[in-house]
Amino acid sequence: MMKVLIGVVIVAFIVIVGFLVIDPDLEGLNQGSVNNITEVSTKQGSKYTIEGEVYKAGTYVLSDGITMNDLLEAAGGTTANADDLAYFTNATLKAGTTYYIASRFDETDICSKSEISKVNINSDDAQTLMTVNGITTSIASSIVSYRSENGTFNTLEDLLKVYGIGNATYHKIRNYVILHQ
């Protein structure tokens, strides 16, 4: 029985080594890099994270005062499914923040040819904003109040500054809002 167990361990070891030789990308699994996030580092700068409809989602260390366009370039650009109405390329970004590029089509329905119905948080009234699941009467009025007091929303993440919108609500509505027409 002991000889069989030792034989199984030796065969398993040989198979694992063989797979590493055949596919060296499996070594990344040993280092814990199983996600598809890229981190690029330079010697000076601040960290900016981008996710959603970009080619290389991840955290990038870039100079201070960058724009959305700079971050998008670092991330390899947007995918064909990115909704260009959900971000301003000239918006100045805040370091240490995660930015999201929303999709135009429903990611769960690969056969869908119709775009997601969205509301404009910079121009639509409270009644129209409430058509989005997750935007209640109080949140809609808070968005309109915030907009009238502080001006336009420059990024989707500005929604987190609105009273009543936390991370859960933001994640629920971020694919259903746009910033401009």
Protein backbone atom coordinates (compact mmCIF):
# COMPACT_ATOMS: atom_id res chain seq x y z
CA MET A 1 0.00 0.00 0.00
CA MET A 2 2.81 2.40 0.83
CA LYS A 3 4.50 1.76 -2.53
CA VAL A 4 1.27 2.71 -4.36
CA LEU A 5 0.94 5.94 -2.37
CA ILE A 6 4.56 6.91 -3.07
CA GLY A 7 4.03 6.06 -6.75
CA VAL A 8 0.93 8.30 -6.92
CA VAL A 9 2.80 11.22 -5.31
CA ILE A 10 5.72 10.86 -7.74
CA VAL A 11 3.39 10.67 -10.77
CA ALA A 12 1.44 13.73 -9.53
CA PHE A 13 4.69 15.67 -9.11
CA ILE A 14 5.84 14.73 -12.62
CA VAL A 15 2.47 15.76 -14.10
CA ILE A 16 2.56 19.15 -12.35
CA VAL A 17 6.12 19.81 -13.53
CA GLY A 18 5.10 18.72 -17.03
CA PHE A 19 2.19 21.18 -17.08
CA LEU A 20 4.46 24.00 -15.95
CA VAL A 21 6.86 23.21 -18.78
CA ILE A 22 4.06 22.97 -21.34
CA ASP A 23 2.17 26.08 -20.10
CA PRO A 24 4.41 28.49 -18.16
CA ASP A 25 1.41 30.79 -17.53
CA LEU A 26 0.33 28.36 -14.83
CA GLU A 27 3.18 29.69 -12.70
CA GLY A 28 1.08 32.83 -12.13
CA LEU A 29 -1.37 30.68 -10.20
CA ASN A 30 1.32 29.95 -7.64
CA GLN A 31 1.85 33.66 -7.12
CA GLY A 32 -1.84 34.43 -6.60
CA SER A 33 -2.37 36.41 -9.80
CA VAL A 34 -5.55 34.72 -10.93
CA ASN A 35 -7.48 37.90 -11.71
CA ASN A 36 -7.27 39.92 -14.88
CA ILE A 37 -6.02 43.11 -13.24
CA THR A 38 -2.99 44.96 -14.45
CA GLU A 39 -0.83 47.11 -12.21
CA VAL A 40 1.64 49.46 -13.81
CA SER A 41 4.06 51.34 -11.63
CA THR A 42 6.30 54.31 -12.13
CA LYS A 43 8.57 55.90 -9.55
CA GLN A 44 6.38 58.92 -8.81
CA GLY A 45 2.69 59.63 -8.99
CA SER A 46 -0.62 58.58 -7.58
CA LYS A 47 -2.72 55.44 -7.94
CA TYR A 48 -5.79 55.44 -10.16
CA THR A 49 -7.95 52.36 -10.66
CA ILE A 50 -10.21 51.72 -13.64
CA GLU A 51 -12.65 48.90 -14.24
CA GLY A 52 -15.51 48.03 -16.52
CA GLU A 53 -15.38 48.27 -20.30
CA VAL A 54 -11.62 48.78 -20.76
CA TYR A 55 -9.08 46.41 -22.24
CA LYS A 56 -6.75 46.31 -19.22
CA ALA A 57 -8.66 46.98 -16.00
CA GLY A 58 -6.40 47.65 -13.06
CA THR A 59 -4.51 50.12 -10.94
CA TYR A 60 -2.08 52.53 -12.57
CA VAL A 61 0.42 54.89 -11.00
CA LEU A 62 0.25 58.11 -12.99
CA SER A 63 1.11 61.76 -12.44
CA ASP A 64 -1.28 63.93 -10.44
CA GLY A 65 -3.98 65.92 -12.23
CA ILE A 66 -4.63 63.40 -14.99
CA THR A 67 -7.80 63.27 -17.05
CA MET A 68 -10.07 60.34 -17.84
CA ASN A 69 -8.46 60.22 -21.29
CA ASP A 70 -5.01 59.68 -19.70
CA LEU A 71 -6.32 56.81 -17.58
CA LEU A 72 -8.12 55.27 -20.55
CA GLU A 73 -4.90 55.37 -22.59
CA ALA A 74 -3.04 53.63 -19.75
CA ALA A 75 -5.75 50.95 -19.68
CA GLY A 76 -5.43 50.26 -23.39
CA GLY A 77 -8.62 52.10 -24.35
CA THR A 78 -12.27 51.21 -24.12
CA THR A 79 -13.95 48.12 -25.52
CA ALA A 80 -16.58 48.26 -28.25
CA ASN A 81 -19.25 47.83 -25.53
CA ALA A 82 -18.17 50.96 -23.61
CA ASP A 83 -20.79 53.69 -23.29
CA ASP A 84 -19.00 56.92 -24.24
CA LEU A 85 -21.93 58.92 -22.84
CA ALA A 86 -21.11 57.69 -19.33
CA TYR A 87 -17.78 59.52 -19.02
CA PHE A 88 -16.09 62.77 -20.00
CA THR A 89 -12.62 62.29 -21.48
CA ASN A 90 -11.52 65.70 -20.15
CA ALA A 91 -12.71 65.11 -16.54
CA THR A 92 -9.90 65.62 -14.04
CA LEU A 93 -9.54 62.56 -11.82
CA LYS A 94 -8.92 62.24 -8.10
CA ALA A 95 -6.09 59.94 -6.98
CA GLY A 96 -7.02 56.84 -5.01
CA THR A 97 -10.43 56.51 -6.65
CA THR A 98 -11.77 53.60 -8.68
CA TYR A 99 -13.37 54.71 -11.94
CA TYR A 100 -15.92 52.66 -13.85
CA ILE A 101 -16.61 52.62 -17.59
CA ALA A 102 -20.22 51.53 -18.09
CA SER A 103 -21.41 49.22 -20.83
CA ARG A 104 -23.89 50.07 -23.60
CA PHE A 105 -25.37 46.59 -23.87
CA ASP A 106 -26.48 44.19 -21.17
CA GLU A 107 -23.47 42.01 -20.30
CA THR A 108 -25.67 39.12 -19.20
CA ASP A 109 -27.54 38.91 -22.54
CA ILE A 110 -25.01 38.18 -25.27
CA CYS A 111 -27.70 38.09 -27.95
CA SER A 112 -29.04 41.55 -27.15
CA LYS A 113 -28.80 44.13 -29.90
CA SER A 114 -30.61 46.90 -28.06
CA GLU A 115 -28.79 49.31 -25.79
CA ILE A 116 -29.52 49.58 -22.08
CA SER A 117 -32.12 52.28 -21.35
CA LYS A 118 -30.34 55.01 -19.38
CA VAL A 119 -31.10 58.34 -17.72
CA ASN A 120 -28.96 61.47 -17.81
CA ILE A 121 -28.03 62.48 -14.25
CA ASN A 122 -26.94 65.93 -15.46
CA SER A 123 -30.18 66.94 -17.16
CA ASP A 124 -33.13 64.62 -16.44
CA ASP A 125 -35.75 65.57 -13.86
CA ALA A 126 -36.44 63.57 -10.69
CA GLN A 127 -39.39 61.72 -12.24
CA THR A 128 -37.23 60.46 -15.12
CA LEU A 129 -34.39 59.49 -12.77
CA MET A 130 -36.79 57.29 -10.80
CA THR A 131 -37.29 55.03 -13.84
CA VAL A 132 -33.97 53.39 -12.88
CA ASN A 133 -34.34 50.50 -10.46
CA GLY A 134 -32.54 51.64 -7.31
CA ILE A 135 -33.25 55.38 -7.61
CA THR A 136 -36.01 56.16 -5.15
CA THR A 137 -37.94 59.41 -4.78
CA SER A 138 -35.54 60.68 -2.12
CA ILE A 139 -32.42 59.71 -4.08
CA ALA A 140 -33.80 61.33 -7.25
CA SER A 141 -34.48 64.58 -5.40
CA SER A 142 -31.01 64.37 -3.79
CA ILE A 143 -29.42 64.01 -7.25
CA VAL A 144 -31.31 67.04 -8.55
CA SER A 145 -30.41 69.05 -5.42
CA TYR A 146 -26.75 68.07 -5.63
CA ARG A 147 -26.67 69.00 -9.31
CA SER A 148 -28.22 72.43 -8.70
CA GLU A 149 -25.84 73.19 -5.81
CA ASN A 150 -22.59 71.74 -7.21
CA GLY A 151 -22.99 71.77 -10.98
CA THR A 152 -22.73 68.84 -13.34
CA PHE A 153 -21.48 65.38 -12.48
CA ASN A 154 -18.09 64.86 -14.17
CA THR A 155 -17.74 61.13 -13.45
CA LEU A 156 -20.11 58.37 -12.43
CA GLU A 157 -18.23 58.21 -9.13
CA ASP A 158 -19.51 61.70 -8.27
CA LEU A 159 -22.80 59.96 -7.49
CA LEU A 160 -21.17 58.71 -4.28
CA LYS A 161 -21.16 62.33 -3.04
CA VAL A 162 -24.96 62.45 -3.20
CA TYR A 163 -26.79 62.00 0.09
CA GLY A 164 -28.45 58.58 0.15
CA ILE A 165 -26.18 56.90 -2.40
CA GLY A 166 -23.73 54.44 -0.93
CA ASN A 167 -21.60 51.76 -2.56
CA ALA A 168 -24.48 49.30 -2.93
CA THR A 169 -26.79 51.79 -4.64
CA TYR A 170 -23.96 53.12 -6.80
CA HIS A 171 -23.06 49.62 -8.03
CA LYS A 172 -26.73 48.91 -8.72
CA ILE A 173 -27.36 52.03 -10.84
CA ARG A 174 -24.00 52.81 -12.48
CA ASN A 175 -24.81 50.94 -15.72
CA TYR A 176 -28.13 52.81 -16.08
CA VAL A 177 -26.95 56.43 -15.98
CA ILE A 178 -25.10 58.69 -18.41
CA LEU A 179 -23.45 62.08 -18.03
CA HIS A 180 -24.23 63.73 -21.38
CA GLN A 181 -26.14 63.25 -24.64
